PDB file of N, CA and C in Angstrom:
ATOM      1  N   UNK A   1       0.836  -1.187   0.000  1.00  0.00           N
ATOM      2  CA  UNK A   1       0.000   0.000   0.000  1.00  0.00           C
ATOM      3  C   UNK A   1       0.876   1.244   0.000  1.00  0.00           C
ATOM      4  N   UNK A   2       0.576   2.171  -0.883  1.00  0.00           N
ATOM      5  CA  UNK A   2       1.317   3.428  -0.938  1.00  0.00           C
ATOM      6  C   UNK A   2       0.772   4.411   0.080  1.00  0.00           C
ATOM      7  N   UNK A   3       1.664   5.252   0.576  1.00  0.00           N
ATOM      8  CA  UNK A   3       1.216   6.250   1.535  1.00  0.00           C
ATOM      9  C   UNK A   3       1.343   7.642   0.935  1.00  0.00           C
ATOM     10  N   UNK A   4       1.347   7.739  -0.371  1.00  0.00           N
ATOM     11  CA  UNK A   4       1.486   9.012  -1.064  1.00  0.00           C
ATOM     12  C   UNK A   4       0.171   9.782  -1.000  1.00  0.00           C
ATOM     13  N   UNK A   5       0.257  11.082  -0.815  1.00  0.00           N
ATOM     14  CA  UNK A   5      -0.914  11.945  -0.801  1.00  0.00           C
ATOM     15  C   UNK A   5      -1.050  12.609  -2.160  1.00  0.00           C
ATOM     16  N   UNK A   6      -2.246  12.543  -2.730  1.00  0.00           N
ATOM     17  CA  UNK A   6      -2.509  13.180  -4.015  1.00  0.00           C
ATOM     18  C   UNK A   6      -2.852  14.649  -3.756  1.00  0.00           C
ATOM     19  N   UNK A   7      -2.176  15.547  -4.448  1.00  0.00           N
ATOM     20  CA  UNK A   7      -2.383  16.981  -4.262  1.00  0.00           C
ATOM     21  C   UNK A   7      -3.182  17.569  -5.431  1.00  0.00           C
ATOM     22  N   UNK A   8      -3.556  18.833  -5.290  1.00  0.00           N
ATOM     23  CA  UNK A   8      -4.229  19.535  -6.383  1.00  0.00           C
ATOM     24  C   UNK A   8      -3.347  19.526  -7.626  1.00  0.00           C
ATOM     25  N   UNK A   9      -2.065  19.741  -7.424  1.00  0.00           N
ATOM     26  CA  UNK A   9      -1.134  19.748  -8.562  1.00  0.00           C
ATOM     27  C   UNK A   9      -1.134  18.392  -9.265  1.00  0.00           C
ATOM     28  N   UNK A  10      -1.219  17.317  -8.498  1.00  0.00           N
ATOM     29  CA  UNK A  10      -1.287  15.971  -9.084  1.00  0.00           C
ATOM     30  C   UNK A  10      -2.564  15.801  -9.903  1.00  0.00           C
ATOM     31  N   UNK A  11      -3.677  16.296  -9.370  1.00  0.00           N
ATOM     32  CA  UNK A  11      -4.950  16.211 -10.092  1.00  0.00           C
ATOM     33  C   UNK A  11      -4.889  17.018 -11.386  1.00  0.00           C
ATOM     34  N   UNK A  12      -4.320  18.218 -11.303  1.00  0.00           N
ATOM     35  CA  UNK A  12      -4.178  19.064 -12.498  1.00  0.00           C
ATOM     36  C   UNK A  12      -3.327  18.372 -13.547  1.00  0.00           C
ATOM     37  N   UNK A  13      -2.240  17.766 -13.116  1.00  0.00           N
ATOM     38  CA  UNK A  13      -1.343  17.071 -14.040  1.00  0.00           C
ATOM     39  C   UNK A  13      -2.055  15.872 -14.680  1.00  0.00           C
ATOM     40  N   UNK A  14      -2.854  15.153 -13.901  1.00  0.00           N
ATOM     41  CA  UNK A  14      -3.594  14.005 -14.446  1.00  0.00           C
ATOM     42  C   UNK A  14      -4.601  14.459 -15.496  1.00  0.00           C
ATOM     43  N   UNK A  15      -5.290  15.562 -15.234  1.00  0.00           N
ATOM     44  CA  UNK A  15      -6.238  16.095 -16.222  1.00  0.00           C
ATOM     45  C   UNK A  15      -5.472  16.511 -17.482  1.00  0.00           C
ATOM     46  N   UNK A  16      -4.354  17.182 -17.295  1.00  0.00           N
ATOM     47  CA  UNK A  16      -3.523  17.607 -18.426  1.00  0.00           C
ATOM     48  C   UNK A  16      -3.100  16.405 -19.271  1.00  0.00           C
ATOM     49  N   UNK A  17      -2.632  15.341 -18.620  1.00  0.00           N
ATOM     50  CA  UNK A  17      -2.131  14.156 -19.323  1.00  0.00           C
ATOM     51  C   UNK A  17      -3.250  13.382 -20.031  1.00  0.00           C
ATOM     52  N   UNK A  18      -4.389  13.216 -19.337  1.00  0.00           N
ATOM     53  CA  UNK A  18      -5.425  12.317 -19.844  1.00  0.00           C
ATOM     54  C   UNK A  18      -6.487  12.991 -20.689  1.00  0.00           C
ATOM     55  N   UNK A  19      -6.768  14.285 -20.442  1.00  0.00           N
ATOM     56  CA  UNK A  19      -7.844  14.962 -21.167  1.00  0.00           C
ATOM     57  C   UNK A  19      -7.286  15.762 -22.338  1.00  0.00           C
ATOM     58  N   UNK A  20      -6.077  16.259 -22.181  1.00  0.00           N
ATOM     59  CA  UNK A  20      -5.468  16.992 -23.278  1.00  0.00           C
ATOM     60  C   UNK A  20      -5.691  18.495 -23.228  1.00  0.00           C
ATOM     61  N   UNK A  21      -6.215  18.997 -22.122  1.00  0.00           N
ATOM     62  CA  UNK A  21      -6.331  20.448 -21.966  1.00  0.00           C
ATOM     63  C   UNK A  21      -4.945  21.006 -21.662  1.00  0.00           C
ATOM     64  N   UNK A  22      -4.798  22.318 -21.804  1.00  0.00           N
ATOM     65  CA  UNK A  22      -3.520  22.928 -21.436  1.00  0.00           C
ATOM     66  C   UNK A  22      -3.363  22.831 -19.916  1.00  0.00           C
ATOM     67  N   UNK A  23      -2.152  23.067 -19.436  1.00  0.00           N
ATOM     68  CA  UNK A  23      -1.933  23.005 -17.985  1.00  0.00           C
ATOM     69  C   UNK A  23      -2.774  24.054 -17.268  1.00  0.00           C
ATOM     70  N   UNK A  24      -2.897  25.246 -17.858  1.00  0.00           N
ATOM     71  CA  UNK A  24      -3.705  26.312 -17.252  1.00  0.00           C
ATOM     72  C   UNK A  24      -5.176  25.915 -17.210  1.00  0.00           C
ATOM     73  N   UNK A  25      -5.688  25.394 -18.317  1.00  0.00           N
ATOM     74  CA  UNK A  25      -7.089  24.964 -18.367  1.00  0.00           C
ATOM     75  C   UNK A  25      -7.339  23.805 -17.406  1.00  0.00           C
ATOM     76  N   UNK A  26      -6.393  22.892 -17.320  1.00  0.00           N
ATOM     77  CA  UNK A  26      -6.525  21.758 -16.401  1.00  0.00           C
ATOM     78  C   UNK A  26      -6.601  22.247 -14.960  1.00  0.00           C
ATOM     79  N   UNK A  27      -5.745  23.203 -14.618  1.00  0.00           N
ATOM     80  CA  UNK A  27      -5.733  23.766 -13.271  1.00  0.00           C
ATOM     81  C   UNK A  27      -7.049  24.471 -12.961  1.00  0.00           C
ATOM     82  N   UNK A  28      -7.545  25.255 -13.923  1.00  0.00           N
ATOM     83  CA  UNK A  28      -8.821  25.958 -13.735  1.00  0.00           C
ATOM     84  C   UNK A  28      -9.972  24.975 -13.565  1.00  0.00           C
ATOM     85  N   UNK A  29      -9.966  23.899 -14.342  1.00  0.00           N
ATOM     86  CA  UNK A  29     -11.026  22.901 -14.250  1.00  0.00           C
ATOM     87  C   UNK A  29     -11.043  22.246 -12.875  1.00  0.00           C
ATOM     88  N   UNK A  30      -9.873  21.825 -12.393  1.00  0.00           N
ATOM     89  CA  UNK A  30      -9.781  21.195 -11.075  1.00  0.00           C
ATOM     90  C   UNK A  30     -10.247  22.177  -9.994  1.00  0.00           C
ATOM     91  N   UNK A  31      -9.801  23.419 -10.079  1.00  0.00           N
ATOM     92  CA  UNK A  31     -10.193  24.429  -9.089  1.00  0.00           C
ATOM     93  C   UNK A  31     -11.698  24.671  -9.106  1.00  0.00           C
ATOM     94  N   UNK A  32     -12.293  24.716 -10.283  1.00  0.00           N
ATOM     95  CA  UNK A  32     -13.743  24.930 -10.388  1.00  0.00           C
ATOM     96  C   UNK A  32     -14.524  23.769  -9.789  1.00  0.00           C
ATOM     97  N   UNK A  33     -14.088  22.568 -10.072  1.00  0.00           N
ATOM     98  CA  UNK A  33     -14.777  21.389  -9.532  1.00  0.00           C
ATOM     99  C   UNK A  33     -14.692  21.381  -8.004  1.00  0.00           C
ATOM    100  N   UNK A  34     -13.490  21.598  -7.462  1.00  0.00           N
ATOM    101  CA  UNK A  34     -13.327  21.608  -6.008  1.00  0.00           C
ATOM    102  C   UNK A  34     -14.094  22.757  -5.372  1.00  0.00           C
ATOM    103  N   UNK A  35     -14.124  23.899  -6.032  1.00  0.00           N
ATOM    104  CA  UNK A  35     -14.860  25.056  -5.531  1.00  0.00           C
ATOM    105  C   UNK A  35     -16.363  24.775  -5.496  1.00  0.00           C
ATOM    106  N   UNK A  36     -16.873  24.147  -6.531  1.00  0.00           N
ATOM    107  CA  UNK A  36     -18.306  23.823  -6.587  1.00  0.00           C
ATOM    108  C   UNK A  36     -18.685  22.831  -5.492  1.00  0.00           C
ATOM    109  N   UNK A  37     -17.849  21.829  -5.278  1.00  0.00           N
ATOM    110  CA  UNK A  37     -18.094  20.856  -4.209  1.00  0.00           C
ATOM    111  C   UNK A  37     -18.092  21.572  -2.861  1.00  0.00           C
ATOM    112  N   UNK A  38     -17.096  22.436  -2.642  1.00  0.00           N
ATOM    113  CA  UNK A  38     -16.997  23.175  -1.374  1.00  0.00           C
ATOM    114  C   UNK A  38     -18.209  24.059  -1.146  1.00  0.00           C
ATOM    115  N   UNK A  39     -18.628  24.788  -2.178  1.00  0.00           N
ATOM    116  CA  UNK A  39     -19.781  25.699  -2.041  1.00  0.00           C
ATOM    117  C   UNK A  39     -21.050  24.921  -1.679  1.00  0.00           C
ATOM    118  N   UNK A  40     -21.261  23.790  -2.305  1.00  0.00           N
ATOM    119  CA  UNK A  40     -22.447  22.975  -2.005  1.00  0.00           C
ATOM    120  C   UNK A  40     -22.404  22.489  -0.558  1.00  0.00           C
ATOM    121  N   UNK A  41     -21.237  22.046  -0.109  1.00  0.00           N
ATOM    122  CA  UNK A  41     -21.108  21.561   1.264  1.00  0.00           C
ATOM    123  C   UNK A  41     -21.304  22.691   2.272  1.00  0.00           C
ATOM    124  N   UNK A  42     -20.806  23.886   1.955  1.00  0.00           N
ATOM    125  CA  UNK A  42     -20.999  25.033   2.846  1.00  0.00           C
ATOM    126  C   UNK A  42     -22.475  25.376   3.011  1.00  0.00           C
ATOM    127  N   UNK A  43     -23.269  25.143   1.945  1.00  0.00           N
ATOM    128  CA  UNK A  43     -24.712  25.390   2.008  1.00  0.00           C
ATOM    129  C   UNK A  43     -25.452  24.265   2.722  1.00  0.00           C
ATOM    130  N   UNK A  44     -24.725  23.207   3.087  1.00  0.00           N
ATOM    131  CA  UNK A  44     -25.352  22.075   3.766  1.00  0.00           C
ATOM    132  C   UNK A  44     -25.907  21.034   2.813  1.00  0.00           C
ATOM    133  N   UNK A  45     -25.598  21.156   1.539  1.00  0.00           N
ATOM    134  CA  UNK A  45     -26.078  20.200   0.541  1.00  0.00           C
ATOM    135  C   UNK A  45     -25.144  18.993   0.495  1.00  0.00           C
ATOM    136  N   UNK A  46     -25.690  17.869   0.081  1.00  0.00           N
ATOM    137  CA  UNK A  46     -24.866  16.671  -0.124  1.00  0.00           C
ATOM    138  C   UNK A  46     -24.325  16.686  -1.536  1.00  0.00           C
ATOM    139  N   UNK A  47     -23.151  16.082  -1.728  1.00  0.00           N
ATOM    140  CA  UNK A  47     -22.544  15.979  -3.052  1.00  0.00           C
ATOM    141  C   UNK A  47     -22.338  14.500  -3.335  1.00  0.00           C
ATOM    142  N   UNK A  48     -22.977  14.018  -4.407  1.00  0.00           N
ATOM    143  CA  UNK A  48     -22.850  12.611  -4.771  1.00  0.00           C
ATOM    144  C   UNK A  48     -22.135  12.514  -6.106  1.00  0.00           C
ATOM    145  N   UNK A  49     -21.039  11.765  -6.118  1.00  0.00           N
ATOM    146  CA  UNK A  49     -20.282  11.522  -7.336  1.00  0.00           C
ATOM    147  C   UNK A  49     -20.473  10.048  -7.688  1.00  0.00           C
ATOM    148  N   UNK A  50     -21.183   9.797  -8.761  1.00  0.00           N
ATOM    149  CA  UNK A  50     -21.528   8.446  -9.160  1.00  0.00           C
ATOM    150  C   UNK A  50     -20.292   7.567  -9.264  1.00  0.00           C
ATOM    151  N   UNK A  51     -20.377   6.361  -8.749  1.00  0.00           N
ATOM    152  CA  UNK A  51     -19.306   5.362  -8.735  1.00  0.00           C
ATOM    153  C   UNK A  51     -18.107   5.775  -7.895  1.00  0.00           C
ATOM    154  N   UNK A  52     -18.227   6.870  -7.133  1.00  0.00           N
ATOM    155  CA  UNK A  52     -17.140   7.307  -6.260  1.00  0.00           C
ATOM    156  C   UNK A  52     -17.609   7.367  -4.819  1.00  0.00           C
ATOM    157  N   UNK A  53     -18.616   8.186  -4.543  1.00  0.00           N
ATOM    158  CA  UNK A  53     -19.134   8.284  -3.187  1.00  0.00           C
ATOM    159  C   UNK A  53     -19.879   9.576  -2.952  1.00  0.00           C
ATOM    160  N   UNK A  54     -20.257   9.795  -1.702  1.00  0.00           N
ATOM    161  CA  UNK A  54     -21.033  10.975  -1.327  1.00  0.00           C
ATOM    162  C   UNK A  54     -20.358  11.716  -0.189  1.00  0.00           C
ATOM    163  N   UNK A  55     -20.373  13.047  -0.295  1.00  0.00           N
ATOM    164  CA  UNK A  55     -19.934  13.919   0.779  1.00  0.00           C
ATOM    165  C   UNK A  55     -21.199  14.470   1.415  1.00  0.00           C
ATOM    166  N   UNK A  56     -21.342  14.314   2.722  1.00  0.00           N
ATOM    167  CA  UNK A  56     -22.548  14.736   3.426  1.00  0.00           C
ATOM    168  C   UNK A  56     -22.155  15.568   4.634  1.00  0.00           C
ATOM    169  N   UNK A  57     -22.898  16.663   4.859  1.00  0.00           N
ATOM    170  CA  UNK A  57     -22.681  17.488   6.042  1.00  0.00           C
ATOM    171  C   UNK A  57     -23.704  17.050   7.091  1.00  0.00           C
ATOM    172  N   UNK A  58     -23.217  16.717   8.278  1.00  0.00           N
ATOM    173  CA  UNK A  58     -24.094  16.290   9.368  1.00  0.00           C
ATOM    174  C   UNK A  58     -23.964  17.267  10.526  1.00  0.00           C
ATOM    175  N   UNK A  59     -25.077  17.471  11.215  1.00  0.00           N
ATOM    176  CA  UNK A  59     -25.059  18.325  12.405  1.00  0.00           C
ATOM    177  C   UNK A  59     -24.939  17.445  13.633  1.00  0.00           C
ATOM    178  N   UNK A  60     -24.022  17.807  14.515  1.00  0.00           N
ATOM    179  CA  UNK A  60     -23.851  17.083  15.768  1.00  0.00           C
ATOM    180  C   UNK A  60     -24.295  17.991  16.898  1.00  0.00           C
ATOM    181  N   UNK A  61     -25.060  17.453  17.797  1.00  0.00           N
ATOM    182  CA  UNK A  61     -25.545  18.225  18.929  1.00  0.00           C
ATOM    183  C   UNK A  61     -24.495  18.362  20.017  1.00  0.00           C
ATOM    184  N   UNK A  62     -24.824  19.194  20.992  1.00  0.00           N
ATOM    185  CA  UNK A  62     -23.919  19.364  22.126  1.00  0.00           C
ATOM    186  C   UNK A  62     -23.865  18.063  22.926  1.00  0.00           C
ATOM    187  N   UNK A  63     -22.703  17.772  23.460  1.00  0.00           N
ATOM    188  CA  UNK A  63     -22.563  16.575  24.285  1.00  0.00           C
ATOM    189  C   UNK A  63     -21.448  16.798  25.292  1.00  0.00           C
ATOM    190  N   UNK A  64     -21.362  15.888  26.222  1.00  0.00           N
ATOM    191  CA  UNK A  64     -20.315  15.953  27.241  1.00  0.00           C
ATOM    192  C   UNK A  64     -19.189  15.011  26.819  1.00  0.00           C
ATOM    193  N   UNK A  65     -17.976  15.548  26.778  1.00  0.00           N
ATOM    194  CA  UNK A  65     -16.809  14.746  26.468  1.00  0.00           C
ATOM    195  C   UNK A  65     -15.932  14.650  27.702  1.00  0.00           C
ATOM    196  N   UNK A  66     -14.852  13.944  27.570  1.00  0.00           N
ATOM    197  CA  UNK A  66     -13.956  13.769  28.714  1.00  0.00           C
ATOM    198  C   UNK A  66     -12.513  14.004  28.249  1.00  0.00           C
ATOM    199  N   UNK A  67     -11.801  14.825  29.006  1.00  0.00           N
ATOM    200  CA  UNK A  67     -10.387  15.050  28.732  1.00  0.00           C
ATOM    201  C   UNK A  67      -9.656  13.752  29.083  1.00  0.00           C
ATOM    202  N   UNK A  68      -9.023  13.105  28.097  1.00  0.00           N
ATOM    203  CA  UNK A  68      -8.401  11.807  28.366  1.00  0.00           C
ATOM    204  C   UNK A  68      -7.229  11.895  29.353  1.00  0.00           C
ATOM    205  N   UNK A  69      -6.611  13.055  29.447  1.00  0.00           N
ATOM    206  CA  UNK A  69      -5.465  13.204  30.332  1.00  0.00           C
ATOM    207  C   UNK A  69      -5.888  13.369  31.787  1.00  0.00           C
ATOM    208  N   UNK A  70      -6.919  14.213  32.009  1.00  0.00           N
ATOM    209  CA  UNK A  70      -7.329  14.519  33.386  1.00  0.00           C
ATOM    210  C   UNK A  70      -8.589  13.785  33.809  1.00  0.00           C
ATOM    211  N   UNK A  71      -9.372  13.310  32.833  1.00  0.00           N
ATOM    212  CA  UNK A  71     -10.639  12.667  33.167  1.00  0.00           C
ATOM    213  C   UNK A  71     -11.756  13.675  33.425  1.00  0.00           C
ATOM    214  N   UNK A  72     -11.448  14.962  33.319  1.00  0.00           N
ATOM    215  CA  UNK A  72     -12.448  16.004  33.588  1.00  0.00           C
ATOM    216  C   UNK A  72     -13.464  16.061  32.455  1.00  0.00           C
ATOM    217  N   UNK A  73     -14.744  16.183  32.821  1.00  0.00           N
ATOM    218  CA  UNK A  73     -15.805  16.302  31.823  1.00  0.00           C
ATOM    219  C   UNK A  73     -15.822  17.726  31.278  1.00  0.00           C
ATOM    220  N   UNK A  74     -15.967  17.834  29.951  1.00  0.00           N
ATOM    221  CA  UNK A  74     -16.042  19.139  29.307  1.00  0.00           C
ATOM    222  C   UNK A  74     -17.152  19.109  28.261  1.00  0.00           C
ATOM    223  N   UNK A  75     -17.894  20.218  28.127  1.00  0.00           N
ATOM    224  CA  UNK A  75     -18.945  20.245  27.106  1.00  0.00           C
ATOM    225  C   UNK A  75     -18.329  20.404  25.714  1.00  0.00           C
ATOM    226  N   UNK A  76     -18.870  19.684  24.752  1.00  0.00           N
ATOM    227  CA  UNK A  76     -18.458  19.809  23.357  1.00  0.00           C
ATOM    228  C   UNK A  76     -19.606  20.503  22.645  1.00  0.00           C
ATOM    229  N   UNK A  77     -19.328  21.652  22.074  1.00  0.00           N
ATOM    230  CA  UNK A  77     -20.379  22.472  21.471  1.00  0.00           C
ATOM    231  C   UNK A  77     -20.929  21.833  20.193  1.00  0.00           C
ATOM    232  N   UNK A  78     -22.154  22.216  19.831  1.00  0.00           N
ATOM    233  CA  UNK A  78     -22.737  21.690  18.595  1.00  0.00           C
ATOM    234  C   UNK A  78     -21.901  22.141  17.396  1.00  0.00           C
ATOM    235  N   UNK A  79     -21.849  21.309  16.377  1.00  0.00           N
ATOM    236  CA  UNK A  79     -21.071  21.650  15.202  1.00  0.00           C
ATOM    237  C   UNK A  79     -21.549  20.835  14.006  1.00  0.00           C
ATOM    238  N   UNK A  80     -21.069  21.258  12.835  1.00  0.00           N
ATOM    239  CA  UNK A  80     -21.346  20.508  11.609  1.00  0.00           C
ATOM    240  C   UNK A  80     -20.058  19.816  11.188  1.00  0.00           C
ATOM    241  N   UNK A  81     -20.191  18.588  10.736  1.00  0.00           N
ATOM    242  CA  UNK A  81     -19.045  17.816  10.273  1.00  0.00           C
ATOM    243  C   UNK A  81     -19.337  17.267   8.879  1.00  0.00           C
ATOM    244  N   UNK A  82     -18.288  17.089   8.106  1.00  0.00           N
ATOM    245  CA  UNK A  82     -18.444  16.504   6.791  1.00  0.00           C
ATOM    246  C   UNK A  82     -17.979  15.056   6.851  1.00  0.00           C
ATOM    247  N   UNK A  83     -18.765  14.184   6.268  1.00  0.00           N
ATOM    248  CA  UNK A  83     -18.390  12.777   6.202  1.00  0.00           C
ATOM    249  C   UNK A  83     -18.393  12.333   4.738  1.00  0.00           C
ATOM    250  N   UNK A  84     -17.552  11.368   4.435  1.00  0.00           N
ATOM    251  CA  UNK A  84     -17.501  10.790   3.094  1.00  0.00           C
ATOM    252  C   UNK A  84     -17.943   9.355   3.181  1.00  0.00           C
ATOM    253  N   UNK A  85     -18.877   8.988   2.330  1.00  0.00           N
ATOM    254  CA  UNK A  85     -19.342   7.604   2.278  1.00  0.00           C
ATOM    255  C   UNK A  85     -19.011   7.060   0.888  1.00  0.00           C
ATOM    256  N   UNK A  86     -18.066   6.143   0.806  1.00  0.00           N
ATOM    257  CA  UNK A  86     -17.690   5.610  -0.508  1.00  0.00           C
ATOM    258  C   UNK A  86     -18.822   4.784  -1.116  1.00  0.00           C
ATOM    259  N   UNK A  87     -18.911   4.813  -2.444  1.00  0.00           N
ATOM    260  CA  UNK A  87     -19.927   4.012  -3.125  1.00  0.00           C
ATOM    261  C   UNK A  87     -19.536   2.540  -3.072  1.00  0.00           C
ATOM    262  N   UNK A  88     -20.506   1.688  -3.313  1.00  0.00           N
ATOM    263  CA  UNK A  88     -20.224   0.253  -3.351  1.00  0.00           C
ATOM    264  C   UNK A  88     -19.259  -0.081  -4.481  1.00  0.00           C
ATOM    265  N   UNK A  89     -19.353   0.652  -5.598  1.00  0.00           N
ATOM    266  CA  UNK A  89     -18.448   0.429  -6.719  1.00  0.00           C
ATOM    267  C   UNK A  89     -17.010   0.716  -6.291  1.00  0.00           C
ATOM    268  N   UNK A  90     -16.786   1.834  -5.603  1.00  0.00           N
ATOM    269  CA  UNK A  90     -15.439   2.180  -5.146  1.00  0.00           C
ATOM    270  C   UNK A  90     -14.934   1.166  -4.128  1.00  0.00           C
ATOM    271  N   UNK A  91     -15.781   0.779  -3.184  1.00  0.00           N
ATOM    272  CA  UNK A  91     -15.373  -0.221  -2.189  1.00  0.00           C
ATOM    273  C   UNK A  91     -14.958  -1.521  -2.863  1.00  0.00           C
ATOM    274  N   UNK A  92     -15.739  -1.941  -3.864  1.00  0.00           N
ATOM    275  CA  UNK A  92     -15.430  -3.181  -4.576  1.00  0.00           C
ATOM    276  C   UNK A  92     -14.096  -3.064  -5.314  1.00  0.00           C
ATOM    277  N   UNK A  93     -13.861  -1.925  -5.967  1.00  0.00           N
ATOM    278  CA  UNK A  93     -12.598  -1.731  -6.693  1.00  0.00           C
ATOM    279  C   UNK A  93     -11.407  -1.746  -5.738  1.00  0.00           C
ATOM    280  N   UNK A  94     -11.565  -1.127  -4.562  1.00  0.00           N
ATOM    281  CA  UNK A  94     -10.490  -1.106  -3.575  1.00  0.00           C
ATOM    282  C   UNK A  94     -10.188  -2.519  -3.089  1.00  0.00           C
ATOM    283  N   UNK A  95     -11.244  -3.279  -2.799  1.00  0.00           N
ATOM    284  CA  UNK A  95     -11.048  -4.647  -2.313  1.00  0.00           C
ATOM    285  C   UNK A  95     -10.461  -5.555  -3.391  1.00  0.00           C
ATOM    286  N   UNK A  96     -10.855  -5.339  -4.639  1.00  0.00           N
ATOM    287  CA  UNK A  96     -10.287  -6.128  -5.729  1.00  0.00           C
ATOM    288  C   UNK A  96      -8.803  -5.808  -5.900  1.00  0.00           C
ATOM    289  N   UNK A  97      -8.451  -4.541  -5.769  1.00  0.00           N
ATOM    290  CA  UNK A  97      -7.041  -4.158  -5.879  1.00  0.00           C
ATOM    291  C   UNK A  97      -6.230  -4.760  -4.741  1.00  0.00           C
ATOM    292  N   UNK A  98      -6.843  -4.855  -3.571  1.00  0.00           N
ATOM    293  CA  UNK A  98      -6.163  -5.420  -2.417  1.00  0.00           C
ATOM    294  C   UNK A  98      -5.905  -6.911  -2.590  1.00  0.00           C
ATOM    295  N   UNK A  99      -6.876  -7.628  -3.152  1.00  0.00           N
ATOM    296  CA  UNK A  99      -6.748  -9.072  -3.323  1.00  0.00           C
ATOM    297  C   UNK A  99      -6.090  -9.450  -4.644  1.00  0.00           C
ATOM    298  N   UNK A 100      -6.003  -8.460  -5.558  1.00  0.00           N
ATOM    299  CA  UNK A 100      -5.375  -8.731  -6.852  1.00  0.00           C
ATOM    300  C   UNK A 100      -6.289  -9.411  -7.846  1.00  0.00           C
ATOM    301  N   UNK A 101      -7.598  -9.539  -7.511  1.00  0.00           N
ATOM    302  CA  UNK A 101      -8.543 -10.156  -8.446  1.00  0.00           C
ATOM    303  C   UNK A 101      -9.191  -9.079  -9.290  1.00  0.00           C
ATOM    304  N   UNK A 102      -9.784  -9.472 -10.406  1.00  0.00           N
ATOM    305  CA  UNK A 102     -10.509  -8.529 -11.256  1.00  0.00           C
ATOM    306  C   UNK A 102     -11.795  -9.174 -11.721  1.00  0.00           C
ATOM    307  N   UNK A 103     -12.782  -8.317 -12.031  1.00  0.00           N
ATOM    308  CA  UNK A 103     -14.077  -8.825 -12.472  1.00  0.00           C
ATOM    309  C   UNK A 103     -14.148  -8.939 -13.957  1.00  0.00           C
TER     310      UNK A 103
END
């Protein structure tokens, strides 16, 4: 398993290599896509990418947490969190890559 992190620059380069747009156009395309996803999530909307997964914003209520060092109870304020749920297609592809089998 690789531990490499894919960056925006990597995504731009992949678009440049595979789609054939200029490097500037590839960069703009990646930025627009990421910006659109971010804007939708900021509005509280879900983003579903077919065969990839869904990004969902969830609201968490206030709760009592515990400081692991001292054991003292502290309130955790309400907040919104983003979660990613991979599609079944993506999960299957990941597991196939792990086992080395193909469909």
